[in-house]
Amino acid sequence: MPKHPNDRLQGTLDLLILTTLARGGPQHGYAIAQRIHHVTDEALRIEEGSLYPALQRMTGSKWLRAHWGTTDTGRKARFYALTPQGWQQLEDEERQWAFLTQAVNKALRFA
């Protein structure tokens, strides 16, 4: 039975969140999840049970700063934005992703 694409997300959530915030500016959690779902042509769905603990952890690690604001629909929500440490972490995550995908591509070509 084929795996769901989300099963392959392990280890990429930080990269996805950081990239989404880097490209889209400050966003609340639901908007981050929706953006990832949209830009992946609905292939990836970030569940609340993964997203919010990750946002908490990343805020605690000083990669993100959070503030309360109002959504387009008038609801109060916590908005997240990258900090200077977050931008550095994004660079590190991108470098690690490039290394990993290059290694997997080599293995697939020569295995």
PDB file of N, CA and C in Angstrom:
ATOM      1  N   MET A   1       0.844  -1.170   0.000  1.00  0.00           N
ATOM      2  CA  MET A   1       0.000   0.000   0.000  1.00  0.00           C
ATOM      3  C   MET A   1       0.897   1.245   0.000  1.00  0.00           C
ATOM      4  N   PRO A   2       0.671   2.226  -0.899  1.00  0.00           N
ATOM      5  CA  PRO A   2       1.536   3.401  -0.949  1.00  0.00           C
ATOM      6  C   PRO A   2       1.386   4.256   0.304  1.00  0.00           C
ATOM      7  N   LYS A   3       2.479   4.837   0.687  1.00  0.00           N
ATOM      8  CA  LYS A   3       2.462   5.728   1.836  1.00  0.00           C
ATOM      9  C   LYS A   3       1.851   7.063   1.440  1.00  0.00           C
ATOM     10  N   HIS A   4       1.285   7.727   2.413  1.00  0.00           N
ATOM     11  CA  HIS A   4       0.775   9.076   2.204  1.00  0.00           C
ATOM     12  C   HIS A   4       1.977  10.019   2.162  1.00  0.00           C
ATOM     13  N   PRO A   5       1.953  11.058   1.316  1.00  0.00           N
ATOM     14  CA  PRO A   5       3.094  11.978   1.249  1.00  0.00           C
ATOM     15  C   PRO A   5       3.486  12.550   2.610  1.00  0.00           C
ATOM     16  N   ASN A   6       2.526  12.766   3.495  1.00  0.00           N
ATOM     17  CA  ASN A   6       2.852  13.302   4.814  1.00  0.00           C
ATOM     18  C   ASN A   6       3.758  12.369   5.601  1.00  0.00           C
ATOM     19  N   ASP A   7       3.724  11.066   5.309  1.00  0.00           N
ATOM     20  CA  ASP A   7       4.592  10.118   5.996  1.00  0.00           C
ATOM     21  C   ASP A   7       6.063  10.386   5.684  1.00  0.00           C
ATOM     22  N   ARG A   8       6.322  11.040   4.609  1.00  0.00           N
ATOM     23  CA  ARG A   8       7.700  11.333   4.199  1.00  0.00           C
ATOM     24  C   ARG A   8       8.171  12.703   4.680  1.00  0.00           C
ATOM     25  N   LEU A   9       7.333  13.413   5.421  1.00  0.00           N
ATOM     26  CA  LEU A   9       7.650  14.763   5.876  1.00  0.00           C
ATOM     27  C   LEU A   9       8.593  14.816   7.061  1.00  0.00           C
ATOM     28  N   GLN A  10       8.777  13.704   7.729  1.00  0.00           N
ATOM     29  CA  GLN A  10       9.580  13.700   8.936  1.00  0.00           C
ATOM     30  C   GLN A  10      10.912  14.394   8.685  1.00  0.00           C
ATOM     31  N   GLY A  11      11.222  15.380   9.498  1.00  0.00           N
ATOM     32  CA  GLY A  11      12.478  16.097   9.357  1.00  0.00           C
ATOM     33  C   GLY A  11      12.424  17.291   8.430  1.00  0.00           C
ATOM     34  N   THR A  12      11.305  17.530   7.766  1.00  0.00           N
ATOM     35  CA  THR A  12      11.216  18.670   6.847  1.00  0.00           C
ATOM     36  C   THR A  12      10.282  19.762   7.350  1.00  0.00           C
ATOM     37  N   LEU A  13       9.614  19.550   8.455  1.00  0.00           N
ATOM     38  CA  LEU A  13       8.630  20.515   8.931  1.00  0.00           C
ATOM     39  C   LEU A  13       9.258  21.876   9.219  1.00  0.00           C
ATOM     40  N   ASP A  14      10.412  21.891   9.887  1.00  0.00           N
ATOM     41  CA  ASP A  14      11.070  23.168  10.171  1.00  0.00           C
ATOM     42  C   ASP A  14      11.371  23.918   8.885  1.00  0.00           C
ATOM     43  N   LEU A  15      11.923  23.218   7.912  1.00  0.00           N
ATOM     44  CA  LEU A  15      12.243  23.844   6.631  1.00  0.00           C
ATOM     45  C   LEU A  15      10.992  24.407   5.970  1.00  0.00           C
ATOM     46  N   LEU A  16       9.910  23.652   5.979  1.00  0.00           N
ATOM     47  CA  LEU A  16       8.667  24.117   5.362  1.00  0.00           C
ATOM     48  C   LEU A  16       8.120  25.358   6.059  1.00  0.00           C
ATOM     49  N   ILE A  17       8.124  25.369   7.374  1.00  0.00           N
ATOM     50  CA  ILE A  17       7.617  26.517   8.127  1.00  0.00           C
ATOM     51  C   ILE A  17       8.506  27.735   7.909  1.00  0.00           C
ATOM     52  N   LEU A  18       9.811  27.570   8.057  1.00  0.00           N
ATOM     53  CA  LEU A  18      10.731  28.695   7.889  1.00  0.00           C
ATOM     54  C   LEU A  18      10.640  29.283   6.487  1.00  0.00           C
ATOM     55  N   THR A  19      10.575  28.432   5.480  1.00  0.00           N
ATOM     56  CA  THR A  19      10.478  28.907   4.100  1.00  0.00           C
ATOM     57  C   THR A  19       9.170  29.650   3.872  1.00  0.00           C
ATOM     58  N   THR A  20       8.084  29.119   4.400  1.00  0.00           N
ATOM     59  CA  THR A  20       6.780  29.769   4.244  1.00  0.00           C
ATOM     60  C   THR A  20       6.793  31.162   4.856  1.00  0.00           C
ATOM     61  N   LEU A  21       7.376  31.306   6.032  1.00  0.00           N
ATOM     62  CA  LEU A  21       7.444  32.616   6.679  1.00  0.00           C
ATOM     63  C   LEU A  21       8.431  33.545   5.978  1.00  0.00           C
ATOM     64  N   ALA A  22       9.520  32.994   5.459  1.00  0.00           N
ATOM     65  CA  ALA A  22      10.496  33.821   4.747  1.00  0.00           C
ATOM     66  C   ALA A  22       9.892  34.415   3.481  1.00  0.00           C
ATOM     67  N   ARG A  23       9.096  33.635   2.797  1.00  0.00           N
ATOM     68  CA  ARG A  23       8.519  34.097   1.525  1.00  0.00           C
ATOM     69  C   ARG A  23       7.227  34.880   1.704  1.00  0.00           C
ATOM     70  N   GLY A  24       6.479  34.572   2.762  1.00  0.00           N
ATOM     71  CA  GLY A  24       5.163  35.187   2.919  1.00  0.00           C
ATOM     72  C   GLY A  24       5.045  36.198   4.039  1.00  0.00           C
ATOM     73  N   GLY A  25       6.116  36.391   4.818  1.00  0.00           N
ATOM     74  CA  GLY A  25       6.039  37.312   5.938  1.00  0.00           C
ATOM     75  C   GLY A  25       5.273  36.711   7.102  1.00  0.00           C
ATOM     76  N   PRO A  26       5.017  37.524   8.135  1.00  0.00           N
ATOM     77  CA  PRO A  26       4.337  37.027   9.333  1.00  0.00           C
ATOM     78  C   PRO A  26       2.983  36.399   9.010  1.00  0.00           C
ATOM     79  N   GLN A  27       2.718  35.253   9.621  1.00  0.00           N
ATOM     80  CA  GLN A  27       1.469  34.526   9.392  1.00  0.00           C
ATOM     81  C   GLN A  27       1.071  33.793  10.658  1.00  0.00           C
ATOM     82  N   HIS A  28      -0.218  33.524  10.793  1.00  0.00           N
ATOM     83  CA  HIS A  28      -0.695  32.709  11.909  1.00  0.00           C
ATOM     84  C   HIS A  28      -0.608  31.239  11.504  1.00  0.00           C
ATOM     85  N   GLY A  29      -0.706  30.358  12.486  1.00  0.00           N
ATOM     86  CA  GLY A  29      -0.496  28.934  12.251  1.00  0.00           C
ATOM     87  C   GLY A  29      -1.365  28.344  11.165  1.00  0.00           C
ATOM     88  N   TYR A  30      -2.656  28.637  11.192  1.00  0.00           N
ATOM     89  CA  TYR A  30      -3.561  28.078  10.188  1.00  0.00           C
ATOM     90  C   TYR A  30      -3.157  28.533   8.788  1.00  0.00           C
ATOM     91  N   ALA A  31      -2.758  29.800   8.650  1.00  0.00           N
ATOM     92  CA  ALA A  31      -2.343  30.317   7.339  1.00  0.00           C
ATOM     93  C   ALA A  31      -1.073  29.618   6.852  1.00  0.00           C
ATOM     94  N   ILE A  32      -0.159  29.323   7.769  1.00  0.00           N
ATOM     95  CA  ILE A  32       1.064  28.604   7.396  1.00  0.00           C
ATOM     96  C   ILE A  32       0.699  27.229   6.837  1.00  0.00           C
ATOM     97  N   ALA A  33      -0.150  26.510   7.555  1.00  0.00           N
ATOM     98  CA  ALA A  33      -0.561  25.172   7.112  1.00  0.00           C
ATOM     99  C   ALA A  33      -1.281  25.235   5.772  1.00  0.00           C
ATOM    100  N   GLN A  34      -2.168  26.200   5.610  1.00  0.00           N
ATOM    101  CA  GLN A  34      -2.913  26.343   4.357  1.00  0.00           C
ATOM    102  C   GLN A  34      -1.983  26.683   3.196  1.00  0.00           C
ATOM    103  N   ARG A  35      -1.008  27.542   3.444  1.00  0.00           N
ATOM    104  CA  ARG A  35      -0.066  27.935   2.385  1.00  0.00           C
ATOM    105  C   ARG A  35       0.744  26.725   1.915  1.00  0.00           C
ATOM    106  N   ILE A  36       1.242  25.940   2.844  1.00  0.00           N
ATOM    107  CA  ILE A  36       2.007  24.741   2.481  1.00  0.00           C
ATOM    108  C   ILE A  36       1.122  23.788   1.682  1.00  0.00           C
ATOM    109  N   HIS A  37      -0.100  23.606   2.126  1.00  0.00           N
ATOM    110  CA  HIS A  37      -1.046  22.730   1.428  1.00  0.00           C
ATOM    111  C   HIS A  37      -1.294  23.244   0.006  1.00  0.00           C
ATOM    112  N   HIS A  38      -1.463  24.546  -0.130  1.00  0.00           N
ATOM    113  CA  HIS A  38      -1.751  25.149  -1.438  1.00  0.00           C
ATOM    114  C   HIS A  38      -0.558  25.056  -2.395  1.00  0.00           C
ATOM    115  N   VAL A  39       0.630  25.459  -1.933  1.00  0.00           N
ATOM    116  CA  VAL A  39       1.785  25.502  -2.842  1.00  0.00           C
ATOM    117  C   VAL A  39       2.277  24.114  -3.235  1.00  0.00           C
ATOM    118  N   THR A  40       1.875  23.088  -2.496  1.00  0.00           N
ATOM    119  CA  THR A  40       2.258  21.715  -2.859  1.00  0.00           C
ATOM    120  C   THR A  40       1.140  21.027  -3.638  1.00  0.00           C
ATOM    121  N   ASP A  41       0.245  21.830  -4.207  1.00  0.00           N
ATOM    122  CA  ASP A  41      -0.897  21.282  -4.952  1.00  0.00           C
ATOM    123  C   ASP A  41      -1.661  20.260  -4.115  1.00  0.00           C
ATOM    124  N   GLU A  42      -1.804  20.585  -2.839  1.00  0.00           N
ATOM    125  CA  GLU A  42      -2.563  19.795  -1.872  1.00  0.00           C
ATOM    126  C   GLU A  42      -1.941  18.432  -1.555  1.00  0.00           C
ATOM    127  N   ALA A  43      -0.666  18.258  -1.896  1.00  0.00           N
ATOM    128  CA  ALA A  43       0.007  16.985  -1.612  1.00  0.00           C
ATOM    129  C   ALA A  43       0.405  16.876  -0.141  1.00  0.00           C
ATOM    130  N   LEU A  44       0.715  18.007   0.484  1.00  0.00           N
ATOM    131  CA  LEU A  44       1.163  17.994   1.872  1.00  0.00           C
ATOM    132  C   LEU A  44       0.158  18.719   2.751  1.00  0.00           C
ATOM    133  N   ARG A  45      -0.234  18.064   3.816  1.00  0.00           N
ATOM    134  CA  ARG A  45      -1.144  18.674   4.794  1.00  0.00           C
ATOM    135  C   ARG A  45      -0.452  18.604   6.154  1.00  0.00           C
ATOM    136  N   ILE A  46      -0.221  19.763   6.731  1.00  0.00           N
ATOM    137  CA  ILE A  46       0.405  19.830   8.041  1.00  0.00           C
ATOM    138  C   ILE A  46      -0.703  19.816   9.090  1.00  0.00           C
ATOM    139  N   GLU A  47      -0.711  18.798   9.901  1.00  0.00           N
ATOM    140  CA  GLU A  47      -1.744  18.649  10.925  1.00  0.00           C
ATOM    141  C   GLU A  47      -1.436  19.544  12.128  1.00  0.00           C
ATOM    142  N   GLU A  48      -2.490  20.004  12.798  1.00  0.00           N
ATOM    143  CA  GLU A  48      -2.336  20.869  13.970  1.00  0.00           C
ATOM    144  C   GLU A  48      -1.455  20.229  15.034  1.00  0.00           C
ATOM    145  N   GLY A  49      -1.579  18.919  15.195  1.00  0.00           N
ATOM    146  CA  GLY A  49      -0.804  18.212  16.204  1.00  0.00           C
ATOM    147  C   GLY A  49       0.689  18.217  15.942  1.00  0.00           C
ATOM    148  N   SER A  50       1.090  18.524  14.718  1.00  0.00           N
ATOM    149  CA  SER A  50       2.506  18.672  14.377  1.00  0.00           C
ATOM    150  C   SER A  50       2.894  20.142  14.304  1.00  0.00           C
ATOM    151  N   LEU A  51       2.014  20.948  13.718  1.00  0.00           N
ATOM    152  CA  LEU A  51       2.332  22.354  13.456  1.00  0.00           C
ATOM    153  C   LEU A  51       2.542  23.157  14.732  1.00  0.00           C
ATOM    154  N   TYR A  52       1.569  23.139  15.629  1.00  0.00           N
ATOM    155  CA  TYR A  52       1.646  24.022  16.792  1.00  0.00           C
ATOM    156  C   TYR A  52       2.771  23.666  17.759  1.00  0.00           C
ATOM    157  N   PRO A  53       3.046  22.389  18.017  1.00  0.00           N
ATOM    158  CA  PRO A  53       4.237  22.087  18.821  1.00  0.00           C
ATOM    159  C   PRO A  53       5.529  22.558  18.130  1.00  0.00           C
ATOM    160  N   ALA A  54       5.593  22.445  16.808  1.00  0.00           N
ATOM    161  CA  ALA A  54       6.780  22.912  16.077  1.00  0.00           C
ATOM    162  C   ALA A  54       6.920  24.426  16.207  1.00  0.00           C
ATOM    163  N   LEU A  55       5.814  25.154  16.075  1.00  0.00           N
ATOM    164  CA  LEU A  55       5.866  26.615  16.221  1.00  0.00           C
ATOM    165  C   LEU A  55       6.303  26.997  17.634  1.00  0.00           C
ATOM    166  N   GLN A  56       5.808  26.282  18.637  1.00  0.00           N
ATOM    167  CA  GLN A  56       6.218  26.530  20.026  1.00  0.00           C
ATOM    168  C   GLN A  56       7.718  26.280  20.198  1.00  0.00           C
ATOM    169  N   ARG A  57       8.169  25.159  19.682  1.00  0.00           N
ATOM    170  CA  ARG A  57       9.593  24.798  19.798  1.00  0.00           C
ATOM    171  C   ARG A  57      10.470  25.819  19.092  1.00  0.00           C
ATOM    172  N   MET A  58      10.054  26.235  17.902  1.00  0.00           N
ATOM    173  CA  MET A  58      10.846  27.184  17.119  1.00  0.00           C
ATOM    174  C   MET A  58      10.845  28.570  17.757  1.00  0.00           C
ATOM    175  N   THR A  59       9.748  28.928  18.407  1.00  0.00           N
ATOM    176  CA  THR A  59       9.697  30.192  19.145  1.00  0.00           C
ATOM    177  C   THR A  59      10.624  30.107  20.354  1.00  0.00           C
ATOM    178  N   GLY A  60      10.594  28.987  21.061  1.00  0.00           N
ATOM    179  CA  GLY A  60      11.477  28.774  22.203  1.00  0.00           C
ATOM    180  C   GLY A  60      12.948  28.765  21.824  1.00  0.00           C
ATOM    181  N   SER A  61      13.237  28.342  20.598  1.00  0.00           N
ATOM    182  CA  SER A  61      14.619  28.324  20.100  1.00  0.00           C
ATOM    183  C   SER A  61      15.047  29.673  19.541  1.00  0.00           C
ATOM    184  N   LYS A  62      14.143  30.656  19.615  1.00  0.00           N
ATOM    185  CA  LYS A  62      14.404  32.028  19.142  1.00  0.00           C
ATOM    186  C   LYS A  62      14.523  32.121  17.625  1.00  0.00           C
ATOM    187  N   TRP A  63      13.979  31.137  16.903  1.00  0.00           N
ATOM    188  CA  TRP A  63      13.959  31.203  15.439  1.00  0.00           C
ATOM    189  C   TRP A  63      12.783  32.033  14.962  1.00  0.00           C
ATOM    190  N   LEU A  64      11.732  32.058  15.801  1.00  0.00           N
ATOM    191  CA  LEU A  64      10.523  32.811  15.475  1.00  0.00           C
ATOM    192  C   LEU A  64      10.184  33.734  16.627  1.00  0.00           C
ATOM    193  N   ARG A  65       9.523  34.839  16.295  1.00  0.00           N
ATOM    194  CA  ARG A  65       8.905  35.659  17.330  1.00  0.00           C
ATOM    195  C   ARG A  65       7.408  35.598  17.081  1.00  0.00           C
ATOM    196  N   ALA A  66       6.643  35.713  18.136  1.00  0.00           N
ATOM    197  CA  ALA A  66       5.192  35.596  18.023  1.00  0.00           C
ATOM    198  C   ALA A  66       4.526  36.816  18.640  1.00  0.00           C
ATOM    199  N   HIS A  67       3.426  37.228  18.035  1.00  0.00           N
ATOM    200  CA  HIS A  67       2.625  38.315  18.606  1.00  0.00           C
ATOM    201  C   HIS A  67       1.159  38.063  18.275  1.00  0.00           C
ATOM    202  N   TRP A  68       0.290  38.598  19.106  1.00  0.00           N
ATOM    203  CA  TRP A  68      -1.140  38.450  18.868  1.00  0.00           C
ATOM    204  C   TRP A  68      -1.601  39.505  17.881  1.00  0.00           C
ATOM    205  N   GLY A  69      -2.459  39.082  16.969  1.00  0.00           N
ATOM    206  CA  GLY A  69      -3.017  39.988  15.975  1.00  0.00           C
ATOM    207  C   GLY A  69      -4.394  39.513  15.561  1.00  0.00           C
ATOM    208  N   THR A  70      -4.925  40.163  14.542  1.00  0.00           N
ATOM    209  CA  THR A  70      -6.258  39.840  14.045  1.00  0.00           C
ATOM    210  C   THR A  70      -6.146  39.325  12.616  1.00  0.00           C
ATOM    211  N   THR A  71      -6.827  38.237  12.334  1.00  0.00           N
ATOM    212  CA  THR A  71      -6.821  37.653  10.988  1.00  0.00           C
ATOM    213  C   THR A  71      -7.714  38.465  10.061  1.00  0.00           C
ATOM    214  N   ASP A  72      -7.692  38.112   8.785  1.00  0.00           N
ATOM    215  CA  ASP A  72      -8.549  38.769   7.794  1.00  0.00           C
ATOM    216  C   ASP A  72     -10.029  38.599   8.120  1.00  0.00           C
ATOM    217  N   THR A  73     -10.342  37.544   8.851  1.00  0.00           N
ATOM    218  CA  THR A  73     -11.745  37.285   9.198  1.00  0.00           C
ATOM    219  C   THR A  73     -12.124  37.870  10.558  1.00  0.00           C
ATOM    220  N   GLY A  74     -11.203  38.618  11.172  1.00  0.00           N
ATOM    221  CA  GLY A  74     -11.493  39.279  12.433  1.00  0.00           C
ATOM    222  C   GLY A  74     -11.244  38.463  13.682  1.00  0.00           C
ATOM    223  N   ARG A  75     -10.632  37.314  13.543  1.00  0.00           N
ATOM    224  CA  ARG A  75     -10.346  36.465  14.706  1.00  0.00           C
ATOM    225  C   ARG A  75      -8.972  36.798  15.274  1.00  0.00           C
ATOM    226  N   LYS A  76      -8.840  36.658  16.599  1.00  0.00           N
ATOM    227  CA  LYS A  76      -7.530  36.824  17.234  1.00  0.00           C
ATOM    228  C   LYS A  76      -6.701  35.581  16.958  1.00  0.00           C
ATOM    229  N   ALA A  77      -5.449  35.797  16.633  1.00  0.00           N
ATOM    230  CA  ALA A  77      -4.555  34.668  16.362  1.00  0.00           C
ATOM    231  C   ALA A  77      -3.130  35.086  16.692  1.00  0.00           C
ATOM    232  N   ARG A  78      -2.312  34.091  16.917  1.00  0.00           N
ATOM    233  CA  ARG A  78      -0.892  34.330  17.159  1.00  0.00           C
ATOM    234  C   ARG A  78      -0.172  34.298  15.815  1.00  0.00           C
ATOM    235  N   PHE A  79       0.528  35.387  15.501  1.00  0.00           N
ATOM    236  CA  PHE A  79       1.267  35.503  14.251  1.00  0.00           C
ATOM    237  C   PHE A  79       2.744  35.243  14.523  1.00  0.00           C
ATOM    238  N   TYR A  80       3.392  34.579  13.573  1.00  0.00           N
ATOM    239  CA  TYR A  80       4.796  34.198  13.704  1.00  0.00           C
ATOM    240  C   TYR A  80       5.616  34.856  12.607  1.00  0.00           C
ATOM    241  N   ALA A  81       6.849  35.243  12.957  1.00  0.00           N
ATOM    242  CA  ALA A  81       7.770  35.847  11.993  1.00  0.00           C
ATOM    243  C   ALA A  81       9.180  35.358  12.299  1.00  0.00           C
ATOM    244  N   LEU A  82      10.025  35.353  11.282  1.00  0.00           N
ATOM    245  CA  LEU A  82      11.414  34.933  11.463  1.00  0.00           C
ATOM    246  C   LEU A  82      12.202  35.975  12.248  1.00  0.00           C
ATOM    247  N   THR A  83      13.092  35.505  13.083  1.00  0.00           N
ATOM    248  CA  THR A  83      14.067  36.351  13.770  1.00  0.00           C
ATOM    249  C   THR A  83      15.383  36.238  12.992  1.00  0.00           C
ATOM    250  N   PRO A  84      16.400  37.034  13.344  1.00  0.00           N
ATOM    251  CA  PRO A  84      17.706  36.837  12.701  1.00  0.00           C
ATOM    252  C   PRO A  84      18.217  35.398  12.861  1.00  0.00           C
ATOM    253  N   GLN A  85      17.995  34.790  14.036  1.00  0.00           N
ATOM    254  CA  GLN A  85      18.399  33.394  14.237  1.00  0.00           C
ATOM    255  C   GLN A  85      17.584  32.465  13.340  1.00  0.00           C
ATOM    256  N   GLY A  86      16.331  32.823  13.091  1.00  0.00           N
ATOM    257  CA  GLY A  86      15.480  32.033  12.204  1.00  0.00           C
ATOM    258  C   GLY A  86      15.972  32.066  10.770  1.00  0.00           C
ATOM    259  N   TRP A  87      16.419  33.244  10.341  1.00  0.00           N
ATOM    260  CA  TRP A  87      16.970  33.348   8.978  1.00  0.00           C
ATOM    261  C   TRP A  87      18.222  32.483   8.849  1.00  0.00           C
ATOM    262  N   GLN A  88      19.061  32.485   9.898  1.00  0.00           N
ATOM    263  CA  GLN A  88      20.266  31.647   9.888  1.00  0.00           C
ATOM    264  C   GLN A  88      19.890  30.171   9.877  1.00  0.00           C
ATOM    265  N   GLN A  89      18.892  29.806  10.672  1.00  0.00           N
ATOM    266  CA  GLN A  89      18.443  28.412  10.701  1.00  0.00           C
ATOM    267  C   GLN A  89      17.893  27.995   9.345  1.00  0.00           C
ATOM    268  N   LEU A  90      17.184  28.901   8.685  1.00  0.00           N
ATOM    269  CA  LEU A  90      16.663  28.601   7.347  1.00  0.00           C
ATOM    270  C   LEU A  90      17.809  28.288   6.391  1.00  0.00           C
ATOM    271  N   GLU A  91      18.867  29.082   6.440  1.00  0.00           N
ATOM    272  CA  GLU A  91      20.034  28.799   5.591  1.00  0.00           C
ATOM    273  C   GLU A  91      20.603  27.417   5.902  1.00  0.00           C
ATOM    274  N   ASP A  92      20.725  27.102   7.191  1.00  0.00           N
ATOM    275  CA  ASP A  92      21.246  25.791   7.595  1.00  0.00           C
ATOM    276  C   ASP A  92      20.339  24.662   7.110  1.00  0.00           C
ATOM    277  N   GLU A  93      19.026  24.834   7.273  1.00  0.00           N
ATOM    278  CA  GLU A  93      18.061  23.814   6.836  1.00  0.00           C
ATOM    279  C   GLU A  93      18.122  23.621   5.321  1.00  0.00           C
ATOM    280  N   GLU A  94      18.234  24.719   4.574  1.00  0.00           N
ATOM    281  CA  GLU A  94      18.321  24.620   3.108  1.00  0.00           C
ATOM    282  C   GLU A  94      19.582  23.877   2.689  1.00  0.00           C
ATOM    283  N   ARG A  95      20.677  24.163   3.380  1.00  0.00           N
ATOM    284  CA  ARG A  95      21.946  23.486   3.074  1.00  0.00           C
ATOM    285  C   ARG A  95      21.828  21.984   3.360  1.00  0.00           C
ATOM    286  N   GLN A  96      21.241  21.639   4.495  1.00  0.00           N
ATOM    287  CA  GLN A  96      21.061  20.229   4.846  1.00  0.00           C
ATOM    288  C   GLN A  96      20.126  19.527   3.864  1.00  0.00           C
ATOM    289  N   TRP A  97      19.060  20.213   3.442  1.00  0.00           N
ATOM    290  CA  TRP A  97      18.111  19.638   2.486  1.00  0.00           C
ATOM    291  C   TRP A  97      18.804  19.379   1.145  1.00  0.00           C
ATOM    292  N   ALA A  98      19.611  20.337   0.693  1.00  0.00           N
ATOM    293  CA  ALA A  98      20.330  20.175  -0.574  1.00  0.00           C
ATOM    294  C   ALA A  98      21.277  18.976  -0.491  1.00  0.00           C
ATOM    295  N   PHE A  99      21.980  18.835   0.628  1.00  0.00           N
ATOM    296  CA  PHE A  99      22.892  17.715   0.815  1.00  0.00           C
ATOM    297  C   PHE A  99      22.130  16.393   0.784  1.00  0.00           C
ATOM    298  N   LEU A 100      21.018  16.332   1.510  1.00  0.00           N
ATOM    299  CA  LEU A 100      20.224  15.104   1.583  1.00  0.00           C
ATOM    300  C   LEU A 100      19.645  14.727   0.224  1.00  0.00           C
ATOM    301  N   THR A 101      19.045  15.682  -0.471  1.00  0.00           N
ATOM    302  CA  THR A 101      18.430  15.361  -1.761  1.00  0.00           C
ATOM    303  C   THR A 101      19.486  14.967  -2.789  1.00  0.00           C
ATOM    304  N   GLN A 102      20.643  15.589  -2.713  1.00  0.00           N
ATOM    305  CA  GLN A 102      21.730  15.222  -3.622  1.00  0.00           C
ATOM    306  C   GLN A 102      22.178  13.780  -3.349  1.00  0.00           C
ATOM    307  N   ALA A 103      22.299  13.428  -2.082  1.00  0.00           N
ATOM    308  CA  ALA A 103      22.714  12.069  -1.722  1.00  0.00           C
ATOM    309  C   ALA A 103      21.672  11.041  -2.158  1.00  0.00           C
ATOM    310  N   VAL A 104      20.396  11.334  -1.940  1.00  0.00           N
ATOM    311  CA  VAL A 104      19.335  10.405  -2.347  1.00  0.00           C
ATOM    312  C   VAL A 104      19.321  10.254  -3.863  1.00  0.00           C
ATOM    313  N   ASN A 105      19.467  11.359  -4.581  1.00  0.00           N
ATOM    314  CA  ASN A 105      19.500  11.290  -6.048  1.00  0.00           C
ATOM    315  C   ASN A 105      20.659  10.431  -6.543  1.00  0.00           C
ATOM    316  N   LYS A 106      21.821  10.554  -5.906  1.00  0.00           N
ATOM    317  CA  LYS A 106      22.963   9.718  -6.284  1.00  0.00           C
ATOM    318  C   LYS A 106      22.658   8.245  -6.029  1.00  0.00           C
ATOM    319  N   ALA A 107      22.087   7.971  -4.870  1.00  0.00           N
ATOM    320  CA  ALA A 107      21.762   6.582  -4.531  1.00  0.00           C
ATOM    321  C   ALA A 107      20.766   5.999  -5.529  1.00  0.00           C
ATOM    322  N   LEU A 108      19.792   6.785  -5.927  1.00  0.00           N
ATOM    323  CA  LEU A 108      18.794   6.297  -6.885  1.00  0.00           C
ATOM    324  C   LEU A 108      19.396   6.072  -8.268  1.00  0.00           C
ATOM    325  N   ARG A 109      20.348   6.900  -8.632  1.00  0.00           N
ATOM    326  CA  ARG A 109      20.987   6.761  -9.942  1.00  0.00           C
ATOM    327  C   ARG A 109      21.916   5.559 -10.012  1.00  0.00           C
ATOM    328  N   PHE A 110      22.633   5.316  -8.926  1.00  0.00           N
ATOM    329  CA  PHE A 110      23.697   4.315  -8.975  1.00  0.00           C
ATOM    330  C   PHE A 110      23.408   3.042  -8.190  1.00  0.00           C
ATOM    331  N   ALA A 111      22.287   2.949  -7.555  1.00  0.00           N
ATOM    332  CA  ALA A 111      21.983   1.755  -6.748  1.00  0.00           C
ATOM    333  C   ALA A 111      21.697   0.563  -7.637  1.00  0.00           C
TER     334      ALA A 111
END
